[in-house]
PDB file of N, CA and C in Angstrom:
ATOM      1  N   MET A   1      42.875   8.031  16.113  1.00  0.00           N
ATOM      2  CA  MET A   1      41.719   7.252  16.542  1.00  0.00           C
ATOM      3  C   MET A   1      40.455   7.694  15.802  1.00  0.00           C
ATOM      4  N   LEU A   2      40.230   8.990  15.770  1.00  0.00           N
ATOM      5  CA  LEU A   2      39.033   9.515  15.118  1.00  0.00           C
ATOM      6  C   LEU A   2      39.049   9.249  13.616  1.00  0.00           C
ATOM      7  N   MET A   3      40.202   9.342  13.007  1.00  0.00           N
ATOM      8  CA  MET A   3      40.312   9.119  11.562  1.00  0.00           C
ATOM      9  C   MET A   3      40.075   7.651  11.197  1.00  0.00           C
ATOM     10  N   SER A   4      40.340   6.746  12.102  1.00  0.00           N
ATOM     11  CA  SER A   4      40.112   5.332  11.797  1.00  0.00           C
ATOM     12  C   SER A   4      38.623   4.959  11.896  1.00  0.00           C
ATOM     13  N   ILE A   5      37.847   5.724  12.628  1.00  0.00           N
ATOM     14  CA  ILE A   5      36.411   5.471  12.774  1.00  0.00           C
ATOM     15  C   ILE A   5      35.614   6.156  11.662  1.00  0.00           C
ATOM     16  N   MET A   6      36.166   7.206  11.093  1.00  0.00           N
ATOM     17  CA  MET A   6      35.467   8.014  10.098  1.00  0.00           C
ATOM     18  C   MET A   6      34.943   7.216   8.898  1.00  0.00           C
ATOM     19  N   PRO A   7      35.689   6.297   8.299  1.00  0.00           N
ATOM     20  CA  PRO A   7      35.141   5.536   7.165  1.00  0.00           C
ATOM     21  C   PRO A   7      33.900   4.710   7.538  1.00  0.00           C
ATOM     22  N   PHE A   8      33.878   4.159   8.741  1.00  0.00           N
ATOM     23  CA  PHE A   8      32.719   3.379   9.182  1.00  0.00           C
ATOM     24  C   PHE A   8      31.495   4.267   9.380  1.00  0.00           C
ATOM     25  N   VAL A   9      31.717   5.466   9.882  1.00  0.00           N
ATOM     26  CA  VAL A   9      30.621   6.417  10.049  1.00  0.00           C
ATOM     27  C   VAL A   9      30.067   6.817   8.681  1.00  0.00           C
ATOM     28  N   LEU A  10      30.939   7.072   7.725  1.00  0.00           N
ATOM     29  CA  LEU A  10      30.497   7.436   6.378  1.00  0.00           C
ATOM     30  C   LEU A  10      29.734   6.294   5.712  1.00  0.00           C
ATOM     31  N   ILE A  11      30.206   5.072   5.875  1.00  0.00           N
ATOM     32  CA  ILE A  11      29.501   3.914   5.318  1.00  0.00           C
ATOM     33  C   ILE A  11      28.121   3.779   5.961  1.00  0.00           C
ATOM     34  N   GLY A  12      28.043   4.001   7.260  1.00  0.00           N
ATOM     35  CA  GLY A  12      26.758   3.945   7.954  1.00  0.00           C
ATOM     36  C   GLY A  12      25.788   4.998   7.445  1.00  0.00           C
ATOM     37  N   LEU A  13      26.283   6.219   7.209  1.00  0.00           N
ATOM     38  CA  LEU A  13      25.433   7.282   6.672  1.00  0.00           C
ATOM     39  C   LEU A  13      24.958   6.963   5.260  1.00  0.00           C
ATOM     40  N   VAL A  14      25.836   6.409   4.441  1.00  0.00           N
ATOM     41  CA  VAL A  14      25.453   6.034   3.080  1.00  0.00           C
ATOM     42  C   VAL A  14      24.368   4.958   3.120  1.00  0.00           C
ATOM     43  N   PHE A  15      24.526   3.953   3.971  1.00  0.00           N
ATOM     44  CA  PHE A  15      23.507   2.907   4.107  1.00  0.00           C
ATOM     45  C   PHE A  15      22.177   3.500   4.551  1.00  0.00           C
ATOM     46  N   TYR A  16      22.230   4.433   5.490  1.00  0.00           N
ATOM     47  CA  TYR A  16      20.995   5.020   5.991  1.00  0.00           C
ATOM     48  C   TYR A  16      20.265   5.776   4.889  1.00  0.00           C
ATOM     49  N   PHE A  17      20.973   6.661   4.185  1.00  0.00           N
ATOM     50  CA  PHE A  17      20.315   7.513   3.197  1.00  0.00           C
ATOM     51  C   PHE A  17      19.988   6.800   1.892  1.00  0.00           C
ATOM     52  N   LEU A  18      20.692   5.740   1.546  1.00  0.00           N
ATOM     53  CA  LEU A  18      20.418   5.047   0.294  1.00  0.00           C
ATOM     54  C   LEU A  18      19.538   3.812   0.451  1.00  0.00           C
ATOM     55  N   LEU A  19      19.504   3.210   1.634  1.00  0.00           N
ATOM     56  CA  LEU A  19      18.745   1.971   1.817  1.00  0.00           C
ATOM     57  C   LEU A  19      17.639   2.075   2.860  1.00  0.00           C
ATOM     58  N   ILE A  20      17.977   2.466   4.052  1.00  0.00           N
ATOM     59  CA  ILE A  20      17.032   2.399   5.169  1.00  0.00           C
ATOM     60  C   ILE A  20      15.948   3.471   5.062  1.00  0.00           C
ATOM     61  N   ARG A  21      16.327   4.714   4.847  1.00  0.00           N
ATOM     62  CA  ARG A  21      15.355   5.810   4.799  1.00  0.00           C
ATOM     63  C   ARG A  21      14.344   5.648   3.663  1.00  0.00           C
ATOM     64  N   PRO A  22      14.766   5.351   2.423  1.00  0.00           N
ATOM     65  CA  PRO A  22      13.763   5.147   1.361  1.00  0.00           C
ATOM     66  C   PRO A  22      12.811   3.985   1.645  1.00  0.00           C
ATOM     67  N   GLN A  23      13.319   2.913   2.248  1.00  0.00           N
ATOM     68  CA  GLN A  23      12.454   1.774   2.576  1.00  0.00           C
ATOM     69  C   GLN A  23      11.408   2.167   3.616  1.00  0.00           C
ATOM     70  N   ASN A  24      11.805   2.954   4.606  1.00  0.00           N
ATOM     71  CA  ASN A  24      10.849   3.413   5.613  1.00  0.00           C
ATOM     72  C   ASN A  24       9.783   4.315   4.993  1.00  0.00           C
ATOM     73  N   GLN A  25      10.174   5.157   4.034  1.00  0.00           N
ATOM     74  CA  GLN A  25       9.204   6.019   3.366  1.00  0.00           C
ATOM     75  C   GLN A  25       8.216   5.198   2.541  1.00  0.00           C
ATOM     76  N   ARG A  26       8.706   4.181   1.827  1.00  0.00           N
ATOM     77  CA  ARG A  26       7.805   3.320   1.051  1.00  0.00           C
ATOM     78  C   ARG A  26       6.839   2.582   1.969  1.00  0.00           C
ATOM     79  N   LEU A  27       7.333   2.112   3.114  1.00  0.00           N
ATOM     80  CA  LEU A  27       6.485   1.410   4.073  1.00  0.00           C
ATOM     81  C   LEU A  27       5.390   2.333   4.609  1.00  0.00           C
ATOM     82  N   LYS A  28       5.742   3.571   4.900  1.00  0.00           N
ATOM     83  CA  LYS A  28       4.772   4.539   5.399  1.00  0.00           C
ATOM     84  C   LYS A  28       3.706   4.838   4.339  1.00  0.00           C
ATOM     85  N   GLU A  29       4.116   4.985   3.068  1.00  0.00           N
ATOM     86  CA  GLU A  29       3.163   5.220   1.984  1.00  0.00           C
ATOM     87  C   GLU A  29       2.235   4.019   1.793  1.00  0.00           C
ATOM     88  N   HIS A  30       2.776   2.810   1.903  1.00  0.00           N
ATOM     89  CA  HIS A  30       1.966   1.598   1.741  1.00  0.00           C
ATOM     90  C   HIS A  30       0.935   1.482   2.859  1.00  0.00           C
ATOM     91  N   LYS A  31       1.333   1.802   4.093  1.00  0.00           N
ATOM     92  CA  LYS A  31       0.381   1.764   5.211  1.00  0.00           C
ATOM     93  C   LYS A  31      -0.736   2.781   5.011  1.00  0.00           C
ATOM     94  N   ALA A  32      -0.386   3.973   4.505  1.00  0.00           N
ATOM     95  CA  ALA A  32      -1.405   4.992   4.248  1.00  0.00           C
ATOM     96  C   ALA A  32      -2.357   4.532   3.148  1.00  0.00           C
ATOM     97  N   MET A  33      -1.820   3.871   2.127  1.00  0.00           N
ATOM     98  CA  MET A  33      -2.656   3.357   1.045  1.00  0.00           C
ATOM     99  C   MET A  33      -3.623   2.306   1.583  1.00  0.00           C
ATOM    100  N   LEU A  34      -3.131   1.398   2.430  1.00  0.00           N
ATOM    101  CA  LEU A  34      -3.987   0.351   2.993  1.00  0.00           C
ATOM    102  C   LEU A  34      -5.082   0.942   3.871  1.00  0.00           C
ATOM    103  N   ALA A  35      -4.750   1.997   4.604  1.00  0.00           N
ATOM    104  CA  ALA A  35      -5.740   2.613   5.483  1.00  0.00           C
ATOM    105  C   ALA A  35      -6.834   3.326   4.692  1.00  0.00           C
ATOM    106  N   SER A  36      -6.529   3.734   3.454  1.00  0.00           N
ATOM    107  CA  SER A  36      -7.502   4.494   2.676  1.00  0.00           C
ATOM    108  C   SER A  36      -8.362   3.634   1.751  1.00  0.00           C
ATOM    109  N   VAL A  37      -8.146   2.326   1.725  1.00  0.00           N
ATOM    110  CA  VAL A  37      -8.939   1.455   0.847  1.00  0.00           C
ATOM    111  C   VAL A  37     -10.365   1.359   1.378  1.00  0.00           C
ATOM    112  N   THR A  38     -11.324   1.599   0.484  1.00  0.00           N
ATOM    113  CA  THR A  38     -12.731   1.520   0.860  1.00  0.00           C
ATOM    114  C   THR A  38     -13.486   0.647  -0.136  1.00  0.00           C
ATOM    115  N   ARG A  39     -14.721   0.338   0.201  1.00  0.00           N
ATOM    116  CA  ARG A  39     -15.566  -0.472  -0.669  1.00  0.00           C
ATOM    117  C   ARG A  39     -15.790   0.263  -1.986  1.00  0.00           C
ATOM    118  N   GLY A  40     -15.647  -0.454  -3.093  1.00  0.00           N
ATOM    119  CA  GLY A  40     -15.842   0.140  -4.407  1.00  0.00           C
ATOM    120  C   GLY A  40     -14.547   0.497  -5.120  1.00  0.00           C
ATOM    121  N   ASP A  41     -13.420   0.488  -4.406  1.00  0.00           N
ATOM    122  CA  ASP A  41     -12.126   0.787  -5.029  1.00  0.00           C
ATOM    123  C   ASP A  41     -11.682  -0.376  -5.909  1.00  0.00           C
ATOM    124  N   THR A  42     -11.004  -0.063  -6.996  1.00  0.00           N
ATOM    125  CA  THR A  42     -10.393  -1.085  -7.839  1.00  0.00           C
ATOM    126  C   THR A  42      -8.943  -1.217  -7.412  1.00  0.00           C
ATOM    127  N   VAL A  43      -8.525  -2.444  -7.070  1.00  0.00           N
ATOM    128  CA  VAL A  43      -7.187  -2.671  -6.529  1.00  0.00           C
ATOM    129  C   VAL A  43      -6.462  -3.760  -7.309  1.00  0.00           C
ATOM    130  N   VAL A  44      -5.136  -3.770  -7.157  1.00  0.00           N
ATOM    131  CA  VAL A  44      -4.281  -4.799  -7.744  1.00  0.00           C
ATOM    132  C   VAL A  44      -3.556  -5.487  -6.601  1.00  0.00           C
ATOM    133  N   THR A  45      -3.568  -6.824  -6.593  1.00  0.00           N
ATOM    134  CA  THR A  45      -2.858  -7.568  -5.557  1.00  0.00           C
ATOM    135  C   THR A  45      -1.427  -7.843  -6.003  1.00  0.00           C
ATOM    136  N   ASN A  46      -0.603  -8.288  -5.072  1.00  0.00           N
ATOM    137  CA  ASN A  46       0.775  -8.655  -5.411  1.00  0.00           C
ATOM    138  C   ASN A  46       0.817  -9.842  -6.363  1.00  0.00           C
ATOM    139  N   GLY A  47      -0.224 -10.640  -6.395  1.00  0.00           N
ATOM    140  CA  GLY A  47      -0.298 -11.775  -7.308  1.00  0.00           C
ATOM    141  C   GLY A  47      -0.769 -11.391  -8.703  1.00  0.00           C
ATOM    142  N   GLY A  48      -1.140 -10.127  -8.890  1.00  0.00           N
ATOM    143  CA  GLY A  48      -1.554  -9.660 -10.202  1.00  0.00           C
ATOM    144  C   GLY A  48      -3.050  -9.661 -10.440  1.00  0.00           C
ATOM    145  N   LEU A  49      -3.839 -10.015  -9.435  1.00  0.00           N
ATOM    146  CA  LEU A  49      -5.294 -10.004  -9.588  1.00  0.00           C
ATOM    147  C   LEU A  49      -5.813  -8.573  -9.504  1.00  0.00           C
ATOM    148  N   ILE A  50      -6.733  -8.234 -10.378  1.00  0.00           N
ATOM    149  CA  ILE A  50      -7.359  -6.916 -10.373  1.00  0.00           C
ATOM    150  C   ILE A  50      -8.831  -7.120 -10.054  1.00  0.00           C
ATOM    151  N   GLY A  51      -9.319  -6.414  -9.038  1.00  0.00           N
ATOM    152  CA  GLY A  51     -10.711  -6.579  -8.659  1.00  0.00           C
ATOM    153  C   GLY A  51     -11.247  -5.374  -7.928  1.00  0.00           C
ATOM    154  N   LYS A  52     -12.554  -5.385  -7.726  1.00  0.00           N
ATOM    155  CA  LYS A  52     -13.233  -4.308  -7.020  1.00  0.00           C
ATOM    156  C   LYS A  52     -13.505  -4.765  -5.593  1.00  0.00           C
ATOM    157  N   VAL A  53     -13.195  -3.912  -4.628  1.00  0.00           N
ATOM    158  CA  VAL A  53     -13.383  -4.232  -3.214  1.00  0.00           C
ATOM    159  C   VAL A  53     -14.873  -4.216  -2.904  1.00  0.00           C
ATOM    160  N   THR A  54     -15.373  -5.343  -2.372  1.00  0.00           N
ATOM    161  CA  THR A  54     -16.781  -5.415  -1.993  1.00  0.00           C
ATOM    162  C   THR A  54     -16.969  -5.419  -0.482  1.00  0.00           C
ATOM    163  N   LYS A  55     -15.927  -5.795   0.257  1.00  0.00           N
ATOM    164  CA  LYS A  55     -16.032  -5.832   1.718  1.00  0.00           C
ATOM    165  C   LYS A  55     -14.658  -5.587   2.319  1.00  0.00           C
ATOM    166  N   VAL A  56     -14.623  -4.745   3.351  1.00  0.00           N
ATOM    167  CA  VAL A  56     -13.389  -4.478   4.083  1.00  0.00           C
ATOM    168  C   VAL A  56     -13.604  -4.950   5.510  1.00  0.00           C
ATOM    169  N   ALA A  57     -12.793  -5.909   5.954  1.00  0.00           N
ATOM    170  CA  ALA A  57     -12.877  -6.430   7.321  1.00  0.00           C
ATOM    171  C   ALA A  57     -11.500  -6.294   7.968  1.00  0.00           C
ATOM    172  N   ASP A  58     -11.345  -6.806   9.172  1.00  0.00           N
ATOM    173  CA  ASP A  58     -10.072  -6.719   9.887  1.00  0.00           C
ATOM    174  C   ASP A  58      -8.974  -7.437   9.127  1.00  0.00           C
ATOM    175  N   GLY A  59      -8.154  -6.677   8.434  1.00  0.00           N
ATOM    176  CA  GLY A  59      -7.006  -7.260   7.748  1.00  0.00           C
ATOM    177  C   GLY A  59      -7.330  -8.062   6.511  1.00  0.00           C
ATOM    178  N   GLU A  60      -8.593  -8.122   6.123  1.00  0.00           N
ATOM    179  CA  GLU A  60      -8.994  -8.883   4.940  1.00  0.00           C
ATOM    180  C   GLU A  60      -9.898  -8.040   4.052  1.00  0.00           C
ATOM    181  N   LEU A  61      -9.797  -8.294   2.763  1.00  0.00           N
ATOM    182  CA  LEU A  61     -10.663  -7.649   1.783  1.00  0.00           C
ATOM    183  C   LEU A  61     -11.327  -8.728   0.945  1.00  0.00           C
ATOM    184  N   THR A  62     -12.546  -8.478   0.529  1.00  0.00           N
ATOM    185  CA  THR A  62     -13.202  -9.360  -0.427  1.00  0.00           C
ATOM    186  C   THR A  62     -13.223  -8.627  -1.758  1.00  0.00           C
ATOM    187  N   LEU A  63     -12.659  -9.271  -2.782  1.00  0.00           N
ATOM    188  CA  LEU A  63     -12.580  -8.671  -4.110  1.00  0.00           C
ATOM    189  C   LEU A  63     -13.532  -9.374  -5.060  1.00  0.00           C
ATOM    190  N   ASP A  64     -14.207  -8.584  -5.879  1.00  0.00           N
ATOM    191  CA  ASP A  64     -15.026  -9.124  -6.961  1.00  0.00           C
ATOM    192  C   ASP A  64     -14.177  -9.053  -8.221  1.00  0.00           C
ATOM    193  N   LEU A  65     -13.818 -10.220  -8.767  1.00  0.00           N
ATOM    194  CA  LEU A  65     -12.948 -10.283  -9.932  1.00  0.00           C
ATOM    195  C   LEU A  65     -13.731 -10.235 -11.235  1.00  0.00           C
ATOM    196  N   GLY A  66     -15.033 -10.233 -11.160  1.00  0.00           N
ATOM    197  CA  GLY A  66     -15.869 -10.241 -12.353  1.00  0.00           C
ATOM    198  C   GLY A  66     -16.349 -11.646 -12.639  1.00  0.00           C
ATOM    199  N   GLY A  67     -17.460 -11.751 -13.308  1.00  0.00           N
ATOM    200  CA  GLY A  67     -18.005 -13.061 -13.634  1.00  0.00           C
ATOM    201  C   GLY A  67     -18.495 -13.829 -12.426  1.00  0.00           C
ATOM    202  N   GLY A  68     -18.805 -13.120 -11.348  1.00  0.00           N
ATOM    203  CA  GLY A  68     -19.291 -13.782 -10.145  1.00  0.00           C
ATOM    204  C   GLY A  68     -18.201 -14.380  -9.273  1.00  0.00           C
ATOM    205  N   ASN A  69     -16.942 -14.148  -9.605  1.00  0.00           N
ATOM    206  CA  ASN A  69     -15.829 -14.681  -8.807  1.00  0.00           C
ATOM    207  C   ASN A  69     -15.469 -13.705  -7.701  1.00  0.00           C
ATOM    208  N   LYS A  70     -15.518 -14.190  -6.467  1.00  0.00           N
ATOM    209  CA  LYS A  70     -15.124 -13.374  -5.321  1.00  0.00           C
ATOM    210  C   LYS A  70     -13.980 -14.066  -4.605  1.00  0.00           C
ATOM    211  N   VAL A  71     -13.014 -13.268  -4.165  1.00  0.00           N
ATOM    212  CA  VAL A  71     -11.811 -13.791  -3.526  1.00  0.00           C
ATOM    213  C   VAL A  71     -11.540 -12.982  -2.271  1.00  0.00           C
ATOM    214  N   LYS A  72     -11.164 -13.673  -1.190  1.00  0.00           N
ATOM    215  CA  LYS A  72     -10.712 -12.994   0.021  1.00  0.00           C
ATOM    216  C   LYS A  72      -9.196 -12.883  -0.033  1.00  0.00           C
ATOM    217  N   VAL A  73      -8.677 -11.696   0.244  1.00  0.00           N
ATOM    218  CA  VAL A  73      -7.228 -11.492   0.268  1.00  0.00           C
ATOM    219  C   VAL A  73      -6.847 -10.767   1.550  1.00  0.00           C
ATOM    220  N   VAL A  74      -5.625 -10.989   1.973  1.00  0.00           N
ATOM    221  CA  VAL A  74      -5.077 -10.264   3.117  1.00  0.00           C
ATOM    222  C   VAL A  74      -4.744  -8.856   2.635  1.00  0.00           C
ATOM    223  N   SER A  75      -5.139  -7.853   3.393  1.00  0.00           N
ATOM    224  CA  SER A  75      -5.013  -6.475   2.916  1.00  0.00           C
ATOM    225  C   SER A  75      -3.563  -6.044   2.695  1.00  0.00           C
ATOM    226  N   THR A  76      -2.614  -6.650   3.398  1.00  0.00           N
ATOM    227  CA  THR A  76      -1.213  -6.257   3.206  1.00  0.00           C
ATOM    228  C   THR A  76      -0.663  -6.714   1.862  1.00  0.00           C
ATOM    229  N   MET A  77      -1.385  -7.577   1.153  1.00  0.00           N
ATOM    230  CA  MET A  77      -0.931  -8.071  -0.149  1.00  0.00           C
ATOM    231  C   MET A  77      -1.395  -7.202  -1.313  1.00  0.00           C
ATOM    232  N   LEU A  78      -1.919  -6.009  -1.026  1.00  0.00           N
ATOM    233  CA  LEU A  78      -2.307  -5.096  -2.096  1.00  0.00           C
ATOM    234  C   LEU A  78      -1.077  -4.375  -2.624  1.00  0.00           C
ATOM    235  N   ALA A  79      -0.973  -4.303  -3.942  1.00  0.00           N
ATOM    236  CA  ALA A  79       0.152  -3.614  -4.560  1.00  0.00           C
ATOM    237  C   ALA A  79      -0.217  -2.184  -4.936  1.00  0.00           C
ATOM    238  N   ASP A  80      -1.475  -1.962  -5.338  1.00  0.00           N
ATOM    239  CA  ASP A  80      -1.852  -0.645  -5.837  1.00  0.00           C
ATOM    240  C   ASP A  80      -3.363  -0.474  -5.764  1.00  0.00           C
ATOM    241  N   VAL A  81      -3.786   0.766  -5.613  1.00  0.00           N
ATOM    242  CA  VAL A  81      -5.197   1.116  -5.723  1.00  0.00           C
ATOM    243  C   VAL A  81      -5.337   1.860  -7.041  1.00  0.00           C
ATOM    244  N   ARG A  82      -6.045   1.259  -7.996  1.00  0.00           N
ATOM    245  CA  ARG A  82      -6.160   1.843  -9.342  1.00  0.00           C
ATOM    246  C   ARG A  82      -7.159   2.990  -9.382  1.00  0.00           C
ATOM    247  N   ASN A  83      -8.387   2.730  -8.989  1.00  0.00           N
ATOM    248  CA  ASN A  83      -9.446   3.741  -9.049  1.00  0.00           C
ATOM    249  C   ASN A  83     -10.052   3.910  -7.674  1.00  0.00           C
ATOM    250  N   LYS A  84      -9.968   5.127  -7.162  1.00  0.00           N
ATOM    251  CA  LYS A  84     -10.613   5.430  -5.895  1.00  0.00           C
ATOM    252  C   LYS A  84     -12.032   5.886  -6.192  1.00  0.00           C
ATOM    253  N   THR A  85     -12.988   5.387  -5.421  1.00  0.00           N
ATOM    254  CA  THR A  85     -14.363   5.843  -5.587  1.00  0.00           C
ATOM    255  C   THR A  85     -14.525   7.151  -4.831  1.00  0.00           C
ATOM    256  N   ALA A  86     -15.358   8.019  -5.361  1.00  0.00           N
ATOM    257  CA  ALA A  86     -15.619   9.288  -4.703  1.00  0.00           C
ATOM    258  C   ALA A  86     -16.543   9.042  -3.517  1.00  0.00           C
ATOM    259  N   PRO A  87     -16.344   9.771  -2.421  1.00  0.00           N
ATOM    260  CA  PRO A  87     -17.263   9.624  -1.288  1.00  0.00           C
ATOM    261  C   PRO A  87     -18.691   9.953  -1.710  1.00  0.00           C
ATOM    262  N   ALA A  88     -19.655   9.294  -1.100  1.00  0.00           N
ATOM    263  CA  ALA A  88     -21.058   9.421  -1.500  1.00  0.00           C
ATOM    264  C   ALA A  88     -21.565  10.847  -1.359  1.00  0.00           C
ATOM    265  N   ASN A  89     -21.151  11.579  -0.322  1.00  0.00           N
ATOM    266  CA  ASN A  89     -21.668  12.928  -0.116  1.00  0.00           C
ATOM    267  C   ASN A  89     -21.083  13.926  -1.113  1.00  0.00           C
ATOM    268  N   ASP A  90     -19.937  13.653  -1.728  1.00  0.00           N
ATOM    269  CA  ASP A  90     -19.379  14.548  -2.738  1.00  0.00           C
ATOM    270  C   ASP A  90     -20.139  14.448  -4.051  1.00  0.00           C
ATOM    271  N   THR A  91     -20.634  13.264  -4.389  1.00  0.00           N
ATOM    272  CA  THR A  91     -21.362  13.096  -5.649  1.00  0.00           C
ATOM    273  C   THR A  91     -22.758  13.702  -5.563  1.00  0.00           C
ATOM    274  N   ALA A  92     -23.290  13.861  -4.359  1.00  0.00           N
ATOM    275  CA  ALA A  92     -24.628  14.413  -4.197  1.00  0.00           C
ATOM    276  C   ALA A  92     -24.624  15.939  -4.321  1.00  0.00           C
ATOM    277  N   LYS A  93     -23.488  16.591  -4.093  1.00  0.00           N
ATOM    278  CA  LYS A  93     -23.403  18.054  -4.172  1.00  0.00           C
ATOM    279  C   LYS A  93     -23.429  18.500  -5.626  1.00  0.00           C
ATOM    280  N   LYS A  94     -24.221  19.531  -5.879  1.00  0.00           N
ATOM    281  CA  LYS A  94     -24.273  20.093  -7.239  1.00  0.00           C
ATOM    282  C   LYS A  94     -24.315  21.581  -7.201  1.00  0.00           C
TER     283      LYS A  94
END
């Protein structure tokens, strides 16, 4: 009985360690990235737009794409934060 269940247990462990666990880690990293986005950061959206964050609101960001073009995007659609701006009080220290 135990030997007939063993292959299913092994398959379940393989699925967990190769598929489920890495996906959960990526999701956790993405949530941390979204929580750390501030005004002035340069970000990349999933659609490939690159812009500077001008406003952070509930679940939405306003991006300045340059040339006077501003776009509102849902914050979960960010793919990457390219340049983080330094906090204002760190730049004042000398």
